[in-house]
Amino acid sequence: MITIENADKALKDYYLEAVSAQLNDGISPFFSAIEKSANNVFGKDVKIAVVRGASGNILAGAEDGDLPDPYRNRYLSITAPLKNLYGTIEISDKAMRASRDSSGAFVNLVNAEMEGLIASAKQNFQRMLFGDGTGKMCTVVSKSADKVYKVDKVKEYFVGMLVDVYPDTAGTKNDSYGLIITAVDKAASTVTFNASVSDDLTGGIMYPHGSKDNEICGLGAIFDSDELYGYKKSEEPYFKPYEVNAGGKLTEELLTDTLDYLEENFNSNANMIICSYKTRKKIAALIADNRRVVNTTDARTGFGVVTVNDVPVYADKYCPDDRILFVNTDDFSLNQLCDWEWLEDESGKILKQVQGKAAYGATLVKYAELICKKPCAQAKLYNI
């Protein structure tokens, strides 16, 4: 007989390892390539010391001359708080009772919940990898009709998302908090909500529900923000990536020059080029006439690629069309307090009754932050 107790045990003993493995696999080529580690986690923060500039002091000298003075390394300290990542499942009491005498029915019930959790978690984590930590999805341009709003950027994956729209920069919330996007129209650049909103929301910013300023510090923060890890990029060049304006014309020379610049000036060999699917087609077309285009599977990441100077070019649906990113994945790490784990109460239970509902819920947690240890050795080619 299926009870809350043995259902709880099944989630802990049988589902956790499988779910954790799936949540760490197949998210994106970039995520697959970066290090995952708990070594630099201290309490609630990630703390990493990096050397600004060259280290060591090797000089030529006379046989009987003085030895060189030791080089004083200039260290910079990166400190960032771990972000709280959650994933929840919910099973109604009615469904639990209906499958009480059938272990197969219960397994199917839990499997369905897990599949939904994994699909949602993968998509949101992949999106966060390209975000700036704020969770911003788009800006509302105007109200088109009841429940329908024109936005500056719309994607198919918006459909079904639970979102908050903050109608002003002060962060005021009203009935635009906790809306569900029921439809998108890419041609008209509009989104449709499940409920009417009293404010016209013009100028408002849309975020995933409850995520404003709580997401991991993704590539958007590395390449687009004015500050990084508490340092102003204008004052500390170490945290400012190399940027190249393509002037609206993408060429093969620009691609190879960017790779060469990183190697020549920062002793960095970019090992991954990231762009949108649309942009990857442009790159493939550029090099098709005079260079063999490799379209195969990279053993390191498990994703199909084309290459430029033997550097793989990966397409990601969350990378904007207006840029190409050149990264050295060895400079990135996902620093985590733990891998995905079930949130337990004091008695060690995972499944708990949802307050005010005839249902039981369980929550997966992960405390992590993405860190780039050498931002200046990454590059962005924009206005392509």
Protein backbone atom coordinates (compact mmCIF):
# COMPACT_ATOMS: atom_id res chain seq x y z
CA MET A 1 0.00 0.00 0.00
CA ILE A 2 1.25 3.47 -0.92
CA THR A 3 1.49 5.79 2.07
CA ILE A 4 3.03 9.20 2.65
CA GLU A 5 5.89 7.48 4.47
CA ASN A 6 6.94 5.09 1.71
CA ALA A 7 6.25 7.74 -0.96
CA ASP A 8 8.63 9.99 0.94
CA LYS A 9 11.22 7.23 1.06
CA ALA A 10 10.89 6.62 -2.69
CA LEU A 11 11.58 10.28 -3.46
CA LYS A 12 14.65 10.23 -1.28
CA ASP A 13 16.12 6.84 -2.18
CA TYR A 14 15.17 6.34 -5.82
CA TYR A 15 14.27 9.63 -7.47
CA LEU A 16 16.84 12.09 -6.12
CA GLU A 17 19.91 10.65 -7.87
CA ALA A 18 18.12 10.25 -11.20
CA VAL A 19 16.56 13.72 -11.09
CA SER A 20 19.84 15.34 -10.04
CA ALA A 21 21.67 13.64 -12.92
CA GLN A 22 19.09 14.83 -15.44
CA LEU A 23 19.16 18.38 -14.09
CA ASN A 24 22.93 18.45 -14.57
CA ASP A 25 22.94 16.94 -18.05
CA GLY A 26 21.90 18.37 -21.38
CA ILE A 27 21.15 21.91 -20.21
CA SER A 28 23.50 23.60 -22.68
CA PRO A 29 27.00 23.17 -24.16
CA PHE A 30 28.30 25.99 -21.96
CA PHE A 31 26.90 24.44 -18.78
CA SER A 32 28.27 21.02 -19.71
CA ALA A 33 31.78 22.43 -20.16
CA ILE A 34 32.19 24.50 -16.99
CA GLU A 35 33.47 23.24 -13.65
CA LYS A 36 31.03 22.50 -10.82
CA SER A 37 32.64 22.76 -7.41
CA ALA A 38 32.06 23.44 -3.72
CA ASN A 39 35.71 24.29 -3.04
CA ASN A 40 35.28 28.07 -2.98
CA VAL A 41 32.09 28.19 -0.94
CA PHE A 42 32.44 29.73 2.52
CA GLY A 43 29.21 29.99 4.46
CA LYS A 44 26.63 31.66 2.24
CA ASP A 45 29.19 33.19 -0.14
CA VAL A 46 31.54 32.25 -2.94
CA LYS A 47 35.03 33.66 -2.36
CA ILE A 48 37.79 33.45 -4.95
CA ALA A 49 41.14 35.27 -5.07
CA VAL A 50 42.48 35.99 -8.56
CA VAL A 51 45.82 37.44 -9.65
CA ARG A 52 45.59 40.73 -11.54
CA GLY A 53 48.30 40.65 -14.22
CA ALA A 54 51.35 38.42 -14.56
CA SER A 55 52.72 36.49 -11.63
CA GLY A 56 56.28 35.45 -10.83
CA ASN A 57 59.50 37.15 -11.82
CA ILE A 58 61.84 35.38 -14.22
CA LEU A 59 64.58 37.64 -15.53
CA ALA A 60 67.98 37.24 -17.19
CA GLY A 61 71.01 38.44 -15.25
CA ALA A 62 74.73 38.31 -14.84
CA GLU A 63 76.35 35.22 -13.36
CA ASP A 64 77.55 37.16 -10.31
CA GLY A 65 74.73 39.72 -10.32
CA ASP A 66 71.96 40.25 -7.77
CA LEU A 67 68.96 37.97 -7.88
CA PRO A 68 65.75 39.67 -8.98
CA ASP A 69 63.39 41.01 -6.36
CA PRO A 70 60.28 38.90 -5.81
CA TYR A 71 57.30 40.05 -7.86
CA ARG A 72 54.42 41.28 -5.74
CA ASN A 73 51.23 39.77 -7.08
CA ARG A 74 48.21 42.02 -7.11
CA TYR A 75 45.29 39.97 -5.87
CA LEU A 76 41.66 40.76 -6.42
CA SER A 77 38.99 39.17 -4.29
CA ILE A 78 35.73 38.00 -5.84
CA THR A 79 32.91 37.60 -3.33
CA ALA A 80 29.35 36.80 -4.34
CA PRO A 81 26.37 35.42 -2.40
CA LEU A 82 25.01 32.01 -3.34
CA LYS A 83 21.66 32.19 -5.13
CA ASN A 84 18.73 30.06 -3.97
CA LEU A 85 17.35 27.78 -6.68
CA TYR A 86 14.15 25.82 -6.08
CA GLY A 87 12.06 23.26 -7.91
CA THR A 88 8.75 21.95 -6.61
CA ILE A 89 6.38 19.08 -7.31
CA GLU A 90 2.82 18.77 -6.05
CA ILE A 91 0.59 15.70 -5.80
CA SER A 92 -3.08 16.04 -4.83
CA ASP A 93 -4.42 14.03 -1.93
CA LYS A 94 -7.09 12.65 -4.25
CA ALA A 95 -4.48 11.30 -6.65
CA MET A 96 -2.51 9.80 -3.76
CA ARG A 97 -5.57 7.99 -2.45
CA ALA A 98 -6.54 6.79 -5.92
CA SER A 99 -3.14 5.14 -6.37
CA ARG A 100 -2.88 3.84 -2.80
CA ASP A 101 -3.37 0.21 -3.79
CA SER A 102 -1.34 0.39 -7.00
CA SER A 103 2.37 0.99 -6.90
CA GLY A 104 2.40 1.26 -10.71
CA ALA A 105 -0.17 4.05 -10.67
CA PHE A 106 1.82 5.89 -8.03
CA VAL A 107 5.05 5.55 -10.01
CA ASN A 108 3.33 6.95 -13.10
CA LEU A 109 1.97 9.82 -11.04
CA VAL A 110 5.37 10.74 -9.61
CA ASN A 111 7.11 10.24 -12.95
CA ALA A 112 4.76 12.74 -14.59
CA GLU A 113 5.50 15.31 -11.89
CA MET A 114 9.24 14.71 -12.17
CA GLU A 115 9.24 15.05 -15.95
CA GLY A 116 7.50 18.40 -15.66
CA LEU A 117 9.93 19.54 -12.97
CA ILE A 118 12.99 18.52 -14.97
CA ALA A 119 11.78 20.16 -18.18
CA SER A 120 10.95 23.42 -16.40
CA ALA A 121 14.16 23.46 -14.35
CA LYS A 122 16.38 22.84 -17.38
CA GLN A 123 14.75 25.64 -19.35
CA ASN A 124 14.95 28.16 -16.52
CA PHE A 125 18.54 27.29 -15.66
CA GLN A 126 19.57 27.60 -19.30
CA ARG A 127 17.85 30.99 -19.45
CA MET A 128 19.60 32.17 -16.28
CA LEU A 129 23.01 31.31 -17.74
CA PHE A 130 22.48 34.15 -20.23
CA GLY A 131 20.87 36.57 -17.77
CA ASP A 132 22.36 39.38 -15.76
CA GLY A 133 21.12 38.17 -12.37
CA THR A 134 18.08 40.44 -12.28
CA GLY A 135 15.77 37.97 -14.01
CA LYS A 136 14.60 40.57 -16.52
CA MET A 137 12.76 38.97 -19.44
CA CYS A 138 11.48 41.98 -21.37
CA THR A 139 10.03 45.50 -21.13
CA VAL A 140 6.37 46.34 -21.74
CA VAL A 141 6.04 48.84 -24.60
CA SER A 142 2.29 49.45 -24.55
CA LYS A 143 -1.12 47.92 -23.90
CA SER A 144 -2.69 46.50 -27.06
CA ALA A 145 -5.97 45.16 -25.67
CA ASP A 146 -7.41 43.69 -22.50
CA LYS A 147 -4.84 41.22 -21.18
CA VAL A 148 -2.65 41.80 -24.28
CA TYR A 149 0.61 43.80 -24.09
CA LYS A 150 3.26 44.68 -26.63
CA VAL A 151 6.80 43.97 -25.40
CA ASP A 152 10.27 44.70 -26.74
CA LYS A 153 11.22 41.01 -26.89
CA VAL A 154 9.04 37.94 -27.11
CA LYS A 155 9.98 34.26 -27.22
CA GLU A 156 7.90 31.10 -27.58
CA TYR A 157 9.15 29.79 -24.24
CA PHE A 158 7.25 32.60 -22.49
CA VAL A 159 4.02 30.61 -22.86
CA GLY A 160 2.93 29.05 -19.57
CA MET A 161 5.39 31.03 -17.45
CA LEU A 162 4.28 32.57 -14.16
CA VAL A 163 5.59 36.14 -14.17
CA ASP A 164 5.62 39.43 -12.29
CA VAL A 165 5.46 42.79 -14.05
CA TYR A 166 6.85 45.68 -12.03
CA PRO A 167 5.19 48.79 -13.50
CA ASP A 168 7.88 51.23 -12.36
CA THR A 169 11.53 51.33 -11.40
CA ALA A 170 10.66 51.63 -7.72
CA GLY A 171 9.58 48.00 -7.81
CA THR A 172 5.94 48.57 -6.91
CA LYS A 173 3.80 45.44 -7.18
CA ASN A 174 0.04 45.34 -7.76
CA ASP A 175 -2.28 42.97 -9.63
CA SER A 176 0.47 42.48 -12.22
CA TYR A 177 2.17 40.12 -9.78
CA GLY A 178 1.69 36.39 -10.40
CA LEU A 179 0.34 36.47 -13.96
CA ILE A 180 0.43 33.52 -16.35
CA ILE A 181 1.40 34.09 -19.98
CA THR A 182 -1.21 32.20 -21.99
CA ALA A 183 -0.10 33.15 -25.52
CA VAL A 184 2.57 35.01 -27.49
CA ASP A 185 2.49 36.56 -30.96
CA LYS A 186 6.02 36.92 -32.30
CA ALA A 187 4.93 38.85 -35.38
CA ALA A 188 3.09 41.46 -33.30
CA SER A 189 5.54 41.14 -30.38
CA THR A 190 2.72 40.73 -27.85
CA VAL A 191 2.05 38.56 -24.81
CA THR A 192 -1.36 37.65 -23.43
CA PHE A 193 -1.97 37.23 -19.70
CA ASN A 194 -4.56 35.06 -17.99
CA ALA A 195 -6.05 38.04 -16.14
CA SER A 196 -6.74 41.72 -16.63
CA VAL A 197 -4.42 44.26 -15.00
CA SER A 198 -5.51 47.67 -13.75
CA ASP A 199 -2.25 49.37 -14.80
CA ASP A 200 -1.38 49.78 -18.49
CA LEU A 201 2.14 48.61 -17.51
CA THR A 202 3.91 50.80 -20.10
CA GLY A 203 7.60 50.79 -19.26
CA GLY A 204 7.15 47.93 -16.81
CA ILE A 205 9.71 45.13 -16.53
CA MET A 206 8.72 41.48 -16.66
CA TYR A 207 10.42 38.88 -14.46
CA PRO A 208 9.80 35.19 -13.68
CA HIS A 209 7.58 35.05 -10.61
CA GLY A 210 9.50 35.82 -7.42
CA SER A 211 12.87 35.91 -9.20
CA LYS A 212 13.58 39.64 -9.41
CA ASP A 213 17.27 40.20 -8.50
CA ASN A 214 17.54 36.62 -7.21
CA GLU A 215 18.94 34.73 -10.21
CA ILE A 216 22.49 33.54 -10.80
CA CYS A 217 24.98 35.97 -12.33
CA GLY A 218 25.00 34.76 -15.93
CA LEU A 219 26.75 35.82 -19.12
CA GLY A 220 24.55 38.90 -19.32
CA ALA A 221 26.22 40.25 -16.19
CA ILE A 222 29.68 39.42 -17.55
CA PHE A 223 29.17 41.21 -20.88
CA ASP A 224 26.47 43.85 -20.32
CA SER A 225 26.54 45.21 -16.78
CA ASP A 226 28.53 48.23 -15.56
CA GLU A 227 29.55 46.42 -12.38
CA LEU A 228 30.63 42.86 -11.67
CA TYR A 229 31.17 41.25 -8.26
CA GLY A 230 31.13 44.70 -6.67
CA TYR A 231 33.76 46.19 -9.00
CA LYS A 232 33.04 48.97 -11.48
CA LYS A 233 34.34 47.89 -14.86
CA SER A 234 35.35 51.45 -15.70
CA GLU A 235 37.69 51.49 -12.68
CA GLU A 236 38.94 47.89 -12.76
CA PRO A 237 39.62 46.73 -16.37
CA TYR A 238 40.20 43.16 -15.19
CA PHE A 239 36.42 42.76 -14.99
CA LYS A 240 35.69 44.27 -18.41
CA PRO A 241 35.48 41.80 -21.32
CA TYR A 242 36.86 42.68 -24.74
CA GLU A 243 34.16 44.11 -27.03
CA VAL A 244 34.16 44.60 -30.79
CA ASN A 245 31.54 46.52 -32.78
CA ALA A 246 31.03 44.70 -36.10
CA GLY A 247 29.32 47.74 -37.60
CA GLY A 248 26.50 45.63 -38.97
CA LYS A 249 28.80 43.46 -41.09
CA LEU A 250 29.98 40.07 -39.92
CA THR A 251 33.15 38.79 -41.55
CA GLU A 252 35.37 35.77 -41.07
CA GLU A 253 38.27 38.12 -40.37
CA LEU A 254 36.41 39.65 -37.42
CA LEU A 255 35.89 36.20 -35.95
CA THR A 256 39.52 35.16 -36.26
CA ASP A 257 40.84 38.58 -35.18
CA THR A 258 38.83 38.36 -31.97
CA LEU A 259 40.25 34.93 -31.19
CA ASP A 260 43.77 36.18 -31.93
CA TYR A 261 43.33 39.29 -29.76
CA LEU A 262 42.37 37.24 -26.71
CA GLU A 263 45.38 34.98 -27.14
CA GLU A 264 47.81 37.80 -27.87
CA ASN A 265 46.73 40.21 -25.13
CA PHE A 266 45.35 38.00 -22.38
CA ASN A 267 47.14 34.71 -22.97
CA SER A 268 43.70 33.15 -23.29
CA ASN A 269 42.59 30.56 -25.79
CA ALA A 270 38.83 30.81 -26.21
CA ASN A 271 37.50 27.26 -26.45
CA MET A 272 33.86 28.04 -27.20
CA ILE A 273 31.94 30.49 -29.38
CA ILE A 274 28.28 30.99 -28.43
CA CYS A 275 25.56 32.63 -30.49
CA SER A 276 21.93 32.24 -31.54
CA TYR A 277 20.76 29.69 -34.09
CA LYS A 278 20.25 32.46 -36.63
CA THR A 279 23.78 33.74 -36.12
CA ARG A 280 25.33 30.28 -36.30
CA LYS A 281 23.86 29.89 -39.78
CA LYS A 282 25.57 33.16 -40.76
CA ILE A 283 28.90 31.91 -39.45
CA ALA A 284 28.55 28.57 -41.24
CA ALA A 285 27.75 30.38 -44.48
CA LEU A 286 30.78 32.66 -44.07
CA ILE A 287 33.29 29.86 -43.83
CA ALA A 288 31.61 27.35 -46.13
CA ASP A 289 33.22 28.67 -49.32
CA ASN A 290 36.84 28.50 -48.26
CA ARG A 291 36.97 26.25 -45.22
CA ARG A 292 35.67 22.87 -44.24
CA VAL A 293 32.68 23.23 -41.91
CA VAL A 294 32.68 20.58 -39.23
CA ASN A 295 29.17 19.54 -38.25
CA THR A 296 29.65 16.75 -35.79
CA THR A 297 29.34 16.01 -32.10
CA ASP A 298 31.78 17.40 -29.57
CA ALA A 299 32.73 14.58 -27.19
CA ARG A 300 33.27 17.04 -24.33
CA THR A 301 29.78 18.51 -24.35
CA GLY A 302 27.71 16.08 -26.39
CA PHE A 303 26.36 18.78 -28.72
CA GLY A 304 26.64 19.19 -32.48
CA VAL A 305 28.93 22.02 -33.63
CA VAL A 306 30.53 23.91 -36.47
CA THR A 307 34.01 25.36 -35.92
CA VAL A 308 36.08 28.49 -36.59
CA ASN A 309 39.85 27.93 -36.36
CA ASP A 310 39.01 24.67 -34.56
CA VAL A 311 36.98 26.53 -31.93
CA PRO A 312 33.44 25.07 -31.73
CA VAL A 313 30.49 27.38 -32.42
CA TYR A 314 27.42 26.51 -30.35
CA ALA A 315 23.90 27.84 -30.79
CA ASP A 316 21.79 28.59 -27.74
CA LYS A 317 18.18 29.77 -27.91
CA TYR A 318 18.75 32.21 -25.05
CA CYS A 319 21.67 34.01 -26.69
CA PRO A 320 20.48 37.24 -28.41
CA ASP A 321 20.80 37.49 -32.20
CA ASP A 322 22.87 40.67 -32.01
CA ARG A 323 26.03 39.13 -30.52
CA ILE A 324 28.65 36.42 -30.66
CA LEU A 325 30.37 35.45 -27.41
CA PHE A 326 33.92 34.10 -27.21
CA VAL A 327 34.57 32.34 -23.91
CA ASN A 328 37.19 30.21 -22.25
CA THR A 329 35.10 27.78 -20.20
CA ASP A 330 38.12 27.05 -17.98
CA ASP A 331 37.63 30.53 -16.50
CA PHE A 332 34.07 29.73 -15.37
CA SER A 333 32.79 27.67 -12.49
CA LEU A 334 29.42 26.92 -10.97
CA ASN A 335 30.13 27.20 -7.27
CA GLN A 336 27.58 25.34 -5.20
CA LEU A 337 27.01 24.56 -1.58
CA CYS A 338 25.51 21.24 -2.62
CA ASP A 339 24.04 19.53 -5.64
CA TRP A 340 20.27 19.25 -5.97
CA GLU A 341 18.77 17.93 -2.72
CA TRP A 342 15.30 17.58 -1.27
CA LEU A 343 14.27 20.16 1.30
CA GLU A 344 13.53 18.26 4.51
CA ASP A 345 11.71 19.31 7.67
CA GLU A 346 13.04 18.69 11.18
CA SER A 347 11.85 15.09 11.13
CA GLY A 348 13.47 14.41 7.76
CA LYS A 349 10.24 14.35 5.76
CA ILE A 350 10.20 15.51 2.15
CA LEU A 351 6.51 15.35 1.25
CA LYS A 352 4.50 17.84 3.25
CA GLN A 353 0.91 19.04 3.01
CA VAL A 354 0.60 22.26 1.07
CA GLN A 355 -0.90 24.84 3.42
CA GLY A 356 -4.59 25.36 2.73
CA LYS A 357 -4.72 22.70 0.00
CA ALA A 358 -5.59 19.02 -0.21
CA ALA A 359 -2.21 18.26 -1.72
CA TYR A 360 1.33 17.28 -0.83
CA GLY A 361 4.43 19.05 -2.08
CA ALA A 362 8.17 18.44 -2.19
CA THR A 363 10.93 20.93 -3.00
CA LEU A 364 14.35 20.45 -4.58
CA VAL A 365 16.99 23.02 -3.60
CA LYS A 366 20.38 24.07 -4.89
CA TYR A 367 22.48 27.00 -3.62
CA ALA A 368 24.88 28.14 -6.29
CA GLU A 369 26.47 31.01 -8.21
CA LEU A 370 28.25 31.24 -11.54
CA ILE A 371 31.66 32.91 -11.35
CA CYS A 372 34.01 34.04 -14.12
CA LYS A 373 37.56 34.17 -12.76
CA LYS A 374 38.96 36.16 -15.70
CA PRO A 375 36.29 38.37 -17.32
CA CYS A 376 38.83 40.40 -19.32
CA ALA A 377 39.76 37.25 -21.26
CA GLN A 378 36.25 36.82 -22.68
CA ALA A 379 34.95 38.70 -25.72
CA LYS A 380 31.75 39.93 -27.32
CA LEU A 381 31.32 40.71 -31.00
CA TYR A 382 28.15 42.81 -31.31
CA ASN A 383 26.11 44.75 -33.86
CA ILE A 384 26.62 41.92 -36.31
